[in-house]
Amino acid sequence: MRFRDRLDAGRHLAEVLRDADIGDPACVVAALPRGGVPVAFEVAEALGAPLDVLVVRKLGVPFQPELAMGAIGEGDVRVENPDVLRSAGLGSRDLEEAERRERPELERRAALYREGRSRVDVRGRRAIVVDDGIATGSSVRAACQVLRASGVARIVVAVPVASRAAVTDLRSACDQLVCLDAPDPFFAVGEWYRDFSQTTDDEVTALLRRAADNRERAQGGRGEGANASLRDEEVEVRAGDVALAGRLVVPARATGAILFAHGSGSSRHSPRNRCVAAVLQQAGLATLLLDLLTPAEEADRSNVFDVALLAGRLGDATSWLGALPELDAVPMGYFGASTGAAAALSAAAQPDSGVAAVVSRGGRPDLAGPLLPALRVPTLLIVGGRDTAVLELNREAQAELRCENELVVVPGATHLFEEAGALDAVARLARDWFLSRLATAP
């Protein structure tokens, strides 16, 4: 089984866990950062369980770092592997020295990911440990050991894919193991994903923040607060003679609405665009993450670059969104990524587009071609400093623009903005651009 991306894998895993009745009111989903968090997010949402990160650091043998002589977790938890210590001729002082080196990094990551939220108490509860896949199993085994020492009642390890050797080895470390596929031969986790791009710290914090907000709303904690959602659901948008799948989130008292146009090989489930969307939602903006092609159309790669087709469908989606009663008369904007940016700019260039601002992330505005001089909508182009080819294309396209525009380069960032802090910078830039331009829209 191959998965589109980690979120797709999470949905498949959640379906199996739900059908197997794994989960109860006291369970907690514990994600191994960073790649396990998008998978675990879907699992936690499906089970209605709290999501937390399981920050663990292996303590490697000094002369063989991949061989774990122990592991540490939060709350001053430390476990050791007596067999490894004995065979390596090491003792408690070596373990303590390794902990002194690793403990600051563990605490830094935990603080970064939770953003001030308390960690979920696992004592006496069932913990579902989730990762994006298992090759050797050493990290998951260390996580299970830390959970045992933390007082967990039962451990379920749940992963989309793993090597057969790891599955066999880990059965003794947990109470139950759920694995969707254990292929043989097995070379790497990434070969079972079409999109296995690195999960960033920004994506981790955004998903954890969203999970916490969703759970608080479900429990009534948000009431009618500024960021409570009127709608948060999968929708179907008619565009001509096709139905397009989308994800719509409408905060209470939304002050604007942003439609996302995804790039080639991406979808409404893109963790990068969902990360940006979460920041916009927190600022009171509704978001519609839309697949501009059907699954059958995506199979033909030429459709991905059919800017006229994509722009036309984006225009239809704009009309659909504007007709919703809860978004009556609010200003709208487009957020385009990669080739989706060309569709956003082309749609915005139409005289009756009805949009007030456009933001492009790592986009290909050059593909909008002759329509660029006709654009009258304030446009922000965001490009990574190390994405040199796309940066040059954006500079050339900017020279064709006659509207209010700005090109912002995020230092050190590559095309997918996977570097620490890069995607967070994109989200802040987009948020500020939309809030300022939509506020002055007619």
Protein backbone atom coordinates (compact mmCIF):
# COMPACT_ATOMS: atom_id res chain seq x y z
CA MET A 1 0.00 0.00 0.00
CA ARG A 2 1.34 3.43 -0.97
CA PHE A 3 0.06 6.61 0.65
CA ARG A 4 -0.34 10.07 -0.88
CA ASP A 5 1.27 11.71 2.16
CA ARG A 6 1.33 11.41 5.95
CA LEU A 7 -2.16 12.81 6.40
CA ASP A 8 -3.54 10.27 3.93
CA ALA A 9 -1.72 7.52 5.84
CA GLY A 10 -3.23 8.83 9.06
CA ARG A 11 -6.76 8.59 7.68
CA HIS A 12 -6.22 4.97 6.58
CA LEU A 13 -4.73 4.13 9.97
CA ALA A 14 -7.57 5.87 11.81
CA GLU A 15 -10.15 3.86 9.89
CA VAL A 16 -8.56 0.57 10.93
CA LEU A 17 -8.21 1.67 14.56
CA ARG A 18 -11.82 2.82 14.68
CA ASP A 19 -13.12 -0.39 13.13
CA ALA A 20 -11.06 -2.42 15.61
CA ASP A 21 -12.58 -0.36 18.45
CA ILE A 22 -9.14 0.71 19.63
CA GLY A 23 -9.66 3.81 21.68
CA ASP A 24 -11.70 4.72 24.71
CA PRO A 25 -12.59 7.91 26.57
CA ALA A 26 -9.34 7.72 28.53
CA CYS A 27 -6.95 7.04 25.65
CA VAL A 28 -4.35 9.51 24.39
CA VAL A 29 -2.64 9.61 21.00
CA ALA A 30 1.12 10.08 21.43
CA ALA A 31 2.94 11.17 18.28
CA LEU A 32 6.64 10.75 17.64
CA PRO A 33 7.83 14.06 16.18
CA ARG A 34 8.24 15.16 13.63
CA GLY A 35 6.92 12.82 10.92
CA GLY A 36 4.52 11.00 13.22
CA VAL A 37 2.53 14.13 14.07
CA PRO A 38 0.54 14.51 10.79
CA VAL A 39 -0.34 10.79 10.92
CA ALA A 40 -1.32 11.03 14.58
CA PHE A 41 -3.39 14.18 13.99
CA GLU A 42 -5.79 12.26 11.75
CA VAL A 43 -5.93 9.37 14.23
CA ALA A 44 -6.70 11.65 17.18
CA GLU A 45 -9.40 13.51 15.23
CA ALA A 46 -11.08 10.26 14.20
CA LEU A 47 -11.00 8.78 17.71
CA GLY A 48 -11.91 12.03 19.46
CA ALA A 49 -8.79 11.63 21.62
CA PRO A 50 -6.29 14.21 22.84
CA LEU A 51 -3.12 14.51 20.76
CA ASP A 52 0.28 15.07 22.31
CA VAL A 53 3.88 14.70 21.26
CA LEU A 54 6.02 11.99 22.80
CA VAL A 55 9.38 13.69 22.98
CA VAL A 56 12.03 11.04 23.58
CA ARG A 57 15.80 11.09 23.21
CA LYS A 58 17.80 7.93 22.79
CA LEU A 59 21.00 7.74 24.80
CA GLY A 60 23.50 6.23 22.43
CA VAL A 61 26.68 4.36 23.28
CA PRO A 62 29.49 6.95 22.92
CA PHE A 63 31.44 4.95 20.33
CA GLN A 64 28.29 3.63 18.57
CA PRO A 65 25.59 6.35 18.80
CA GLU A 66 22.91 4.34 16.98
CA LEU A 67 23.05 1.66 19.70
CA ALA A 68 20.80 2.81 22.55
CA MET A 69 22.01 2.20 26.08
CA GLY A 70 18.93 3.99 27.37
CA ALA A 71 16.43 6.74 26.69
CA ILE A 72 14.96 9.79 28.40
CA GLY A 73 11.54 11.39 28.37
CA GLU A 74 9.83 14.35 29.95
CA GLY A 75 9.31 14.53 33.69
CA ASP A 76 12.88 13.40 34.40
CA VAL A 77 12.06 9.91 33.14
CA ARG A 78 15.09 7.81 32.28
CA VAL A 79 15.25 4.17 31.29
CA GLU A 80 18.31 2.05 30.67
CA ASN A 81 19.22 -1.02 28.67
CA PRO A 82 21.26 -3.18 31.06
CA ASP A 83 22.33 -5.63 28.37
CA VAL A 84 23.81 -2.89 26.18
CA LEU A 85 25.50 -1.20 29.14
CA ARG A 86 27.04 -4.46 30.22
CA SER A 87 28.24 -5.53 26.77
CA ALA A 88 29.70 -2.06 26.11
CA GLY A 89 31.46 -1.95 29.46
CA LEU A 90 29.57 1.18 30.52
CA GLY A 91 27.92 2.18 33.78
CA SER A 92 25.55 4.66 35.40
CA ARG A 93 28.00 7.56 35.11
CA ASP A 94 28.11 7.13 31.33
CA LEU A 95 24.31 7.14 31.26
CA GLU A 96 24.15 10.28 33.41
CA GLU A 97 26.64 12.07 31.18
CA ALA A 98 24.61 11.19 28.08
CA GLU A 99 21.46 12.47 29.77
CA ARG A 100 23.15 15.77 30.63
CA ARG A 101 23.93 16.22 26.95
CA GLU A 102 20.48 15.27 25.66
CA ARG A 103 18.12 16.66 28.31
CA PRO A 104 18.34 20.34 27.20
CA GLU A 105 17.44 19.44 23.62
CA LEU A 106 14.50 17.31 24.79
CA GLU A 107 13.15 20.17 26.89
CA ARG A 108 13.69 22.67 24.08
CA ARG A 109 11.71 20.59 21.61
CA ALA A 110 8.89 19.91 24.06
CA ALA A 111 8.52 23.63 24.82
CA LEU A 112 8.67 24.52 21.12
CA TYR A 113 5.99 22.06 20.08
CA ARG A 114 3.50 22.68 22.90
CA GLU A 115 3.68 26.49 22.92
CA GLY A 116 2.95 26.69 26.62
CA ARG A 117 0.30 23.95 26.74
CA SER A 118 0.66 21.33 29.45
CA ARG A 119 1.56 17.82 28.36
CA VAL A 120 -1.20 15.25 28.53
CA ASP A 121 -1.04 13.07 31.63
CA VAL A 122 -0.70 9.43 30.51
CA ARG A 123 -0.76 7.78 33.93
CA GLY A 124 -3.28 4.96 34.04
CA ARG A 125 -4.37 5.56 30.44
CA ARG A 126 -4.14 3.73 27.14
CA ALA A 127 -1.53 5.37 24.89
CA ILE A 128 -1.61 4.96 21.12
CA VAL A 129 1.94 5.56 19.90
CA VAL A 130 1.95 6.76 16.29
CA ASP A 131 4.79 7.26 13.82
CA ASP A 132 4.86 7.57 10.03
CA GLY A 133 6.64 4.22 9.70
CA ILE A 134 9.19 1.95 11.31
CA ALA A 135 12.44 0.76 9.79
CA THR A 136 14.45 -0.61 12.73
CA GLY A 137 12.09 0.16 15.61
CA SER A 138 14.69 1.55 17.99
CA SER A 139 12.96 4.94 18.42
CA VAL A 140 9.54 3.36 18.97
CA ARG A 141 11.00 0.87 21.46
CA ALA A 142 12.58 3.74 23.38
CA ALA A 143 9.23 5.57 23.36
CA CYS A 144 7.45 2.53 24.75
CA GLN A 145 10.02 2.19 27.53
CA VAL A 146 9.58 5.84 28.49
CA LEU A 147 5.79 5.47 28.51
CA ARG A 148 6.02 2.41 30.77
CA ALA A 149 8.17 4.37 33.19
CA SER A 150 5.61 7.20 33.08
CA GLY A 151 2.85 4.94 34.41
CA VAL A 152 0.84 4.25 31.27
CA ALA A 153 -1.69 1.41 31.61
CA ARG A 154 -1.56 0.01 28.08
CA ILE A 155 0.47 0.75 24.95
CA VAL A 156 -0.75 0.38 21.36
CA VAL A 157 1.81 1.03 18.63
CA ALA A 158 0.07 2.10 15.41
CA VAL A 159 1.89 2.80 12.14
CA PRO A 160 1.02 2.81 8.44
CA VAL A 161 4.05 0.76 7.36
CA ALA A 162 6.96 -1.10 8.94
CA SER A 163 9.57 -3.71 8.16
CA ARG A 164 8.63 -7.25 9.10
CA ALA A 165 11.65 -7.51 11.38
CA ALA A 166 10.58 -4.39 13.29
CA VAL A 167 7.03 -5.68 13.67
CA THR A 168 8.30 -8.93 15.15
CA ASP A 169 10.75 -7.18 17.44
CA LEU A 170 8.32 -4.57 18.78
CA ARG A 171 5.55 -6.95 19.80
CA SER A 172 7.36 -7.53 23.09
CA ALA A 173 7.66 -3.78 23.74
CA CYS A 174 3.95 -2.96 23.56
CA ASP A 175 0.59 -4.53 24.39
CA GLN A 176 -0.78 -4.32 20.86
CA LEU A 177 0.67 -3.45 17.46
CA VAL A 178 -1.32 -2.24 14.47
CA CYS A 179 0.50 -1.98 11.14
CA LEU A 180 -1.30 -1.51 7.84
CA ASP A 181 1.47 -2.99 5.73
CA ALA A 182 4.73 -4.85 6.46
CA PRO A 183 6.27 -5.38 3.02
CA ASP A 184 9.26 -7.57 2.35
CA PRO A 185 11.76 -6.52 1.19
CA PHE A 186 11.71 -3.20 3.05
CA PHE A 187 14.34 -0.55 2.34
CA ALA A 188 13.00 2.76 3.67
CA VAL A 189 9.78 4.25 5.05
CA GLY A 190 9.74 6.98 2.39
CA GLU A 191 9.34 4.57 -0.51
CA TRP A 192 5.76 3.89 0.64
CA TYR A 193 4.74 7.55 0.33
CA ARG A 194 4.29 9.60 -2.82
CA ASP A 195 5.04 12.74 -0.81
CA PHE A 196 7.53 12.12 1.99
CA SER A 197 8.89 15.64 2.27
CA GLN A 198 10.28 16.56 5.66
CA THR A 199 7.78 17.58 8.33
CA THR A 200 8.86 20.92 9.80
CA ASP A 201 8.66 22.22 13.36
CA ASP A 202 6.13 24.78 12.12
CA GLU A 203 3.85 22.03 10.81
CA VAL A 204 4.14 20.14 14.09
CA THR A 205 3.18 23.15 16.20
CA ALA A 206 0.34 24.09 13.85
CA LEU A 207 -1.19 20.60 13.95
CA LEU A 208 -0.86 20.35 17.73
CA ARG A 209 -2.41 23.79 18.09
CA ARG A 210 -5.28 22.86 15.79
CA ALA A 211 -5.88 19.56 17.60
CA ALA A 212 -6.01 21.36 20.95
CA ASP A 213 -8.41 24.00 19.58
CA ASN A 214 -10.66 21.36 18.00
CA ARG A 215 -10.83 19.40 21.22
CA GLU A 216 -11.57 22.50 23.27
CA ARG A 217 -14.38 23.45 20.91
CA ALA A 218 -15.78 19.92 21.06
CA GLN A 219 -15.84 20.13 24.84
CA GLY A 220 -17.49 23.55 24.77
CA GLY A 221 -14.44 25.43 25.98
CA ARG A 222 -14.50 28.04 23.21
CA GLY A 223 -18.16 28.95 23.42
CA GLU A 224 -18.62 31.97 21.16
CA GLY A 225 -14.98 33.04 21.30
CA ALA A 226 -13.37 34.95 18.47
CA ASN A 227 -11.84 31.85 16.86
CA ALA A 228 -14.65 29.34 17.41
CA SER A 229 -15.56 27.68 14.12
CA LEU A 230 -19.04 27.94 12.67
CA ARG A 231 -18.01 25.30 10.14
CA ASP A 232 -15.10 22.90 9.86
CA GLU A 233 -15.91 20.21 7.33
CA GLU A 234 -15.25 18.53 4.02
CA VAL A 235 -17.31 20.12 1.23
CA GLU A 236 -18.11 19.52 -2.43
CA VAL A 237 -17.81 22.52 -4.76
CA ARG A 238 -19.43 22.50 -8.20
CA ALA A 239 -17.21 23.89 -10.95
CA GLY A 240 -18.79 23.49 -14.35
CA ASP A 241 -19.68 19.83 -14.78
CA VAL A 242 -17.36 18.47 -12.07
CA ALA A 243 -17.50 18.28 -8.29
CA LEU A 244 -14.33 19.37 -6.48
CA ALA A 245 -13.40 18.25 -2.97
CA GLY A 246 -12.48 20.90 -0.42
CA ARG A 247 -11.95 21.59 3.25
CA LEU A 248 -13.86 24.60 4.59
CA VAL A 249 -13.23 26.28 7.92
CA VAL A 250 -15.29 29.35 8.86
CA PRO A 251 -14.48 31.07 12.17
CA ALA A 252 -17.22 32.90 14.01
CA ARG A 253 -17.50 36.50 12.81
CA ALA A 254 -15.12 35.87 9.91
CA THR A 255 -13.67 39.10 8.52
CA GLY A 256 -12.54 37.59 5.21
CA ALA A 257 -12.17 34.35 3.25
CA ILE A 258 -9.10 32.86 1.56
CA LEU A 259 -9.18 30.24 -1.20
CA PHE A 260 -6.09 28.03 -1.53
CA ALA A 261 -4.86 26.92 -4.94
CA HIS A 262 -2.43 24.02 -4.54
CA GLY A 263 0.58 23.22 -6.65
CA SER A 264 1.39 20.18 -8.74
CA GLY A 265 1.40 16.91 -6.82
CA SER A 266 -0.35 18.48 -3.81
CA SER A 267 -3.92 18.55 -2.53
CA ARG A 268 -6.24 20.06 0.06
CA HIS A 269 -4.48 17.80 2.57
CA SER A 270 -1.11 19.54 2.05
CA PRO A 271 0.44 19.93 5.53
CA ARG A 272 2.16 23.13 4.44
CA ASN A 273 -1.01 24.84 3.27
CA ARG A 274 -2.93 23.52 6.27
CA CYS A 275 -0.27 25.06 8.49
CA VAL A 276 -0.75 28.45 6.81
CA ALA A 277 -4.54 28.05 6.89
CA ALA A 278 -4.50 27.43 10.65
CA VAL A 279 -2.72 30.75 11.20
CA LEU A 280 -5.24 32.58 9.01
CA GLN A 281 -8.12 30.94 10.87
CA GLN A 282 -6.67 32.11 14.18
CA ALA A 283 -6.74 35.64 12.71
CA GLY A 284 -10.46 35.33 11.94
CA LEU A 285 -10.23 34.44 8.24
CA ALA A 286 -12.24 31.62 6.68
CA THR A 287 -10.26 29.21 4.51
CA LEU A 288 -11.20 26.89 1.66
CA LEU A 289 -8.50 24.37 0.70
CA LEU A 290 -9.65 23.06 -2.64
CA ASP A 291 -8.58 20.34 -5.07
CA LEU A 292 -8.91 22.00 -8.48
CA LEU A 293 -8.67 18.63 -10.25
CA THR A 294 -10.54 15.38 -9.69
CA PRO A 295 -8.48 12.26 -8.89
CA ALA A 296 -8.99 11.01 -12.45
CA GLU A 297 -7.82 14.33 -13.92
CA GLU A 298 -4.71 14.36 -11.73
CA ALA A 299 -3.53 11.19 -13.48
CA ASP A 300 -2.93 13.30 -16.61
CA ARG A 301 0.04 15.52 -15.72
CA SER A 302 -0.83 18.01 -18.46
CA ASN A 303 -3.89 19.07 -16.45
CA VAL A 304 -1.64 20.24 -13.60
CA PHE A 305 -0.21 22.91 -15.92
CA ASP A 306 -3.50 23.87 -17.58
CA VAL A 307 -3.61 27.30 -15.93
CA ALA A 308 -6.73 28.41 -17.80
CA LEU A 309 -8.66 25.35 -16.59
CA LEU A 310 -7.49 25.77 -13.00
CA ALA A 311 -8.19 29.51 -12.98
CA GLY A 312 -11.70 28.97 -14.31
CA ARG A 313 -12.45 26.48 -11.57
CA LEU A 314 -11.00 28.81 -8.96
CA GLY A 315 -13.39 31.49 -10.20
CA ASP A 316 -16.34 29.09 -9.87
CA ALA A 317 -15.22 28.21 -6.34
CA THR A 318 -15.04 31.91 -5.48
CA SER A 319 -18.67 32.34 -6.50
CA TRP A 320 -19.65 29.27 -4.49
CA LEU A 321 -17.85 30.54 -1.39
CA GLY A 322 -19.29 34.04 -1.68
CA ALA A 323 -22.81 32.62 -1.83
CA LEU A 324 -22.54 31.08 1.65
CA PRO A 325 -24.75 33.02 4.10
CA GLU A 326 -22.06 33.06 6.80
CA LEU A 327 -19.63 34.75 4.38
CA ASP A 328 -22.04 37.26 2.93
CA ALA A 329 -20.18 40.36 1.70
CA VAL A 330 -16.81 39.50 3.31
CA PRO A 331 -13.74 40.31 1.16
CA MET A 332 -11.86 37.40 -0.38
CA GLY A 333 -8.31 36.53 -1.31
CA TYR A 334 -6.27 33.80 -3.00
CA PHE A 335 -3.29 31.88 -1.62
CA GLY A 336 -1.45 30.03 -4.39
CA ALA A 337 1.44 27.61 -4.09
CA SER A 338 3.76 26.47 -6.88
CA THR A 339 1.73 26.08 -10.09
CA GLY A 340 -1.40 26.97 -8.14
CA ALA A 341 -0.06 30.52 -7.84
CA ALA A 342 -0.39 30.95 -11.60
CA ALA A 343 -4.04 29.87 -11.40
CA ALA A 344 -4.63 32.30 -8.52
CA LEU A 345 -3.06 35.22 -10.39
CA SER A 346 -4.91 34.38 -13.61
CA ALA A 347 -8.25 34.16 -11.82
CA ALA A 348 -7.57 37.39 -9.90
CA ALA A 349 -6.76 39.18 -13.16
CA GLN A 350 -10.31 38.69 -14.45
CA PRO A 351 -12.35 41.92 -14.28
CA ASP A 352 -15.08 40.30 -12.17
CA SER A 353 -12.80 38.20 -9.93
CA GLY A 354 -14.14 39.74 -6.71
CA VAL A 355 -10.90 39.14 -4.80
CA ALA A 356 -9.01 41.80 -2.87
CA ALA A 357 -5.54 40.26 -2.35
CA VAL A 358 -3.27 37.45 -3.58
CA VAL A 359 -0.35 35.69 -1.89
CA SER A 360 2.00 33.34 -3.73
CA ARG A 361 4.21 30.83 -1.85
CA GLY A 362 7.09 29.45 -3.89
CA GLY A 363 4.85 30.12 -6.86
CA ARG A 364 5.19 30.13 -10.62
CA PRO A 365 3.68 33.52 -11.50
CA ASP A 366 5.46 33.34 -14.85
CA LEU A 367 2.91 30.72 -15.94
CA ALA A 368 0.22 33.41 -15.78
CA GLY A 369 2.07 35.02 -18.71
CA PRO A 370 0.31 37.87 -20.51
CA LEU A 371 -2.29 38.30 -17.74
CA LEU A 372 0.25 39.71 -15.28
CA PRO A 373 0.09 43.32 -16.53
CA ALA A 374 -3.72 43.21 -16.27
CA LEU A 375 -3.67 42.29 -12.59
CA ARG A 376 -4.99 45.06 -10.32
CA VAL A 377 -5.12 43.11 -7.05
CA PRO A 378 -2.44 43.69 -4.34
CA THR A 379 -0.04 40.75 -4.73
CA LEU A 380 2.60 39.36 -2.38
CA LEU A 381 5.23 36.97 -3.77
CA ILE A 382 7.06 34.85 -1.16
CA VAL A 383 10.08 32.83 -2.27
CA GLY A 384 12.79 30.90 -0.43
CA GLY A 385 16.27 32.39 -0.61
CA ARG A 386 17.75 29.05 -1.69
CA ASP A 387 15.04 28.40 -4.28
CA THR A 388 17.17 30.24 -6.83
CA ALA A 389 15.46 29.18 -10.06
CA VAL A 390 11.97 30.04 -8.81
CA LEU A 391 13.28 33.27 -7.26
CA GLU A 392 14.52 34.43 -10.66
CA LEU A 393 11.17 33.55 -12.26
CA ASN A 394 9.38 35.60 -9.59
CA ARG A 395 11.64 38.59 -10.17
CA GLU A 396 10.92 38.46 -13.88
CA ALA A 397 7.19 38.14 -13.24
CA GLN A 398 7.23 41.01 -10.73
CA ALA A 399 8.64 43.27 -13.41
CA GLU A 400 5.46 42.64 -15.43
CA LEU A 401 3.08 43.56 -12.59
CA ARG A 402 1.37 46.96 -12.59
CA CYS A 403 -0.57 46.46 -9.35
CA GLU A 404 0.57 47.00 -5.78
CA ASN A 405 3.07 44.21 -5.22
CA GLU A 406 5.94 43.03 -3.05
CA LEU A 407 8.52 40.25 -3.32
CA VAL A 408 9.70 38.86 0.02
CA VAL A 409 12.60 36.42 0.19
CA VAL A 410 12.72 34.10 3.22
CA PRO A 411 16.46 33.67 3.95
CA GLY A 412 17.79 30.11 3.87
CA ALA A 413 14.49 28.57 2.77
CA THR A 414 14.21 26.06 -0.07
CA HIS A 415 11.19 25.48 -2.34
CA LEU A 416 9.03 23.65 0.23
CA PHE A 417 10.02 25.91 3.16
CA GLU A 418 10.98 22.87 5.24
CA GLU A 419 13.65 24.69 7.25
CA ALA A 420 12.98 25.63 10.88
CA GLY A 421 10.88 28.78 11.09
CA ALA A 422 10.48 29.16 7.31
CA LEU A 423 6.86 28.08 7.02
CA ASP A 424 5.96 30.06 10.12
CA ALA A 425 7.42 33.12 8.40
CA VAL A 426 5.26 32.43 5.32
CA ALA A 427 2.14 32.15 7.47
CA ARG A 428 2.83 35.44 9.25
CA LEU A 429 3.55 37.27 6.00
CA ALA A 430 0.37 35.94 4.40
CA ARG A 431 -1.73 36.74 7.46
CA ASP A 432 -0.50 40.33 7.65
CA TRP A 433 -0.91 40.89 3.91
CA PHE A 434 -4.47 39.59 3.87
CA LEU A 435 -5.57 41.40 7.02
CA SER A 436 -4.26 44.76 5.83
CA ARG A 437 -5.49 44.51 2.22
CA LEU A 438 -8.86 42.91 2.96
CA ALA A 439 -9.55 45.52 5.65
CA THR A 440 -9.45 48.28 3.02
CA ALA A 441 -11.34 46.35 0.33
CA PRO A 442 -14.67 47.81 -0.88
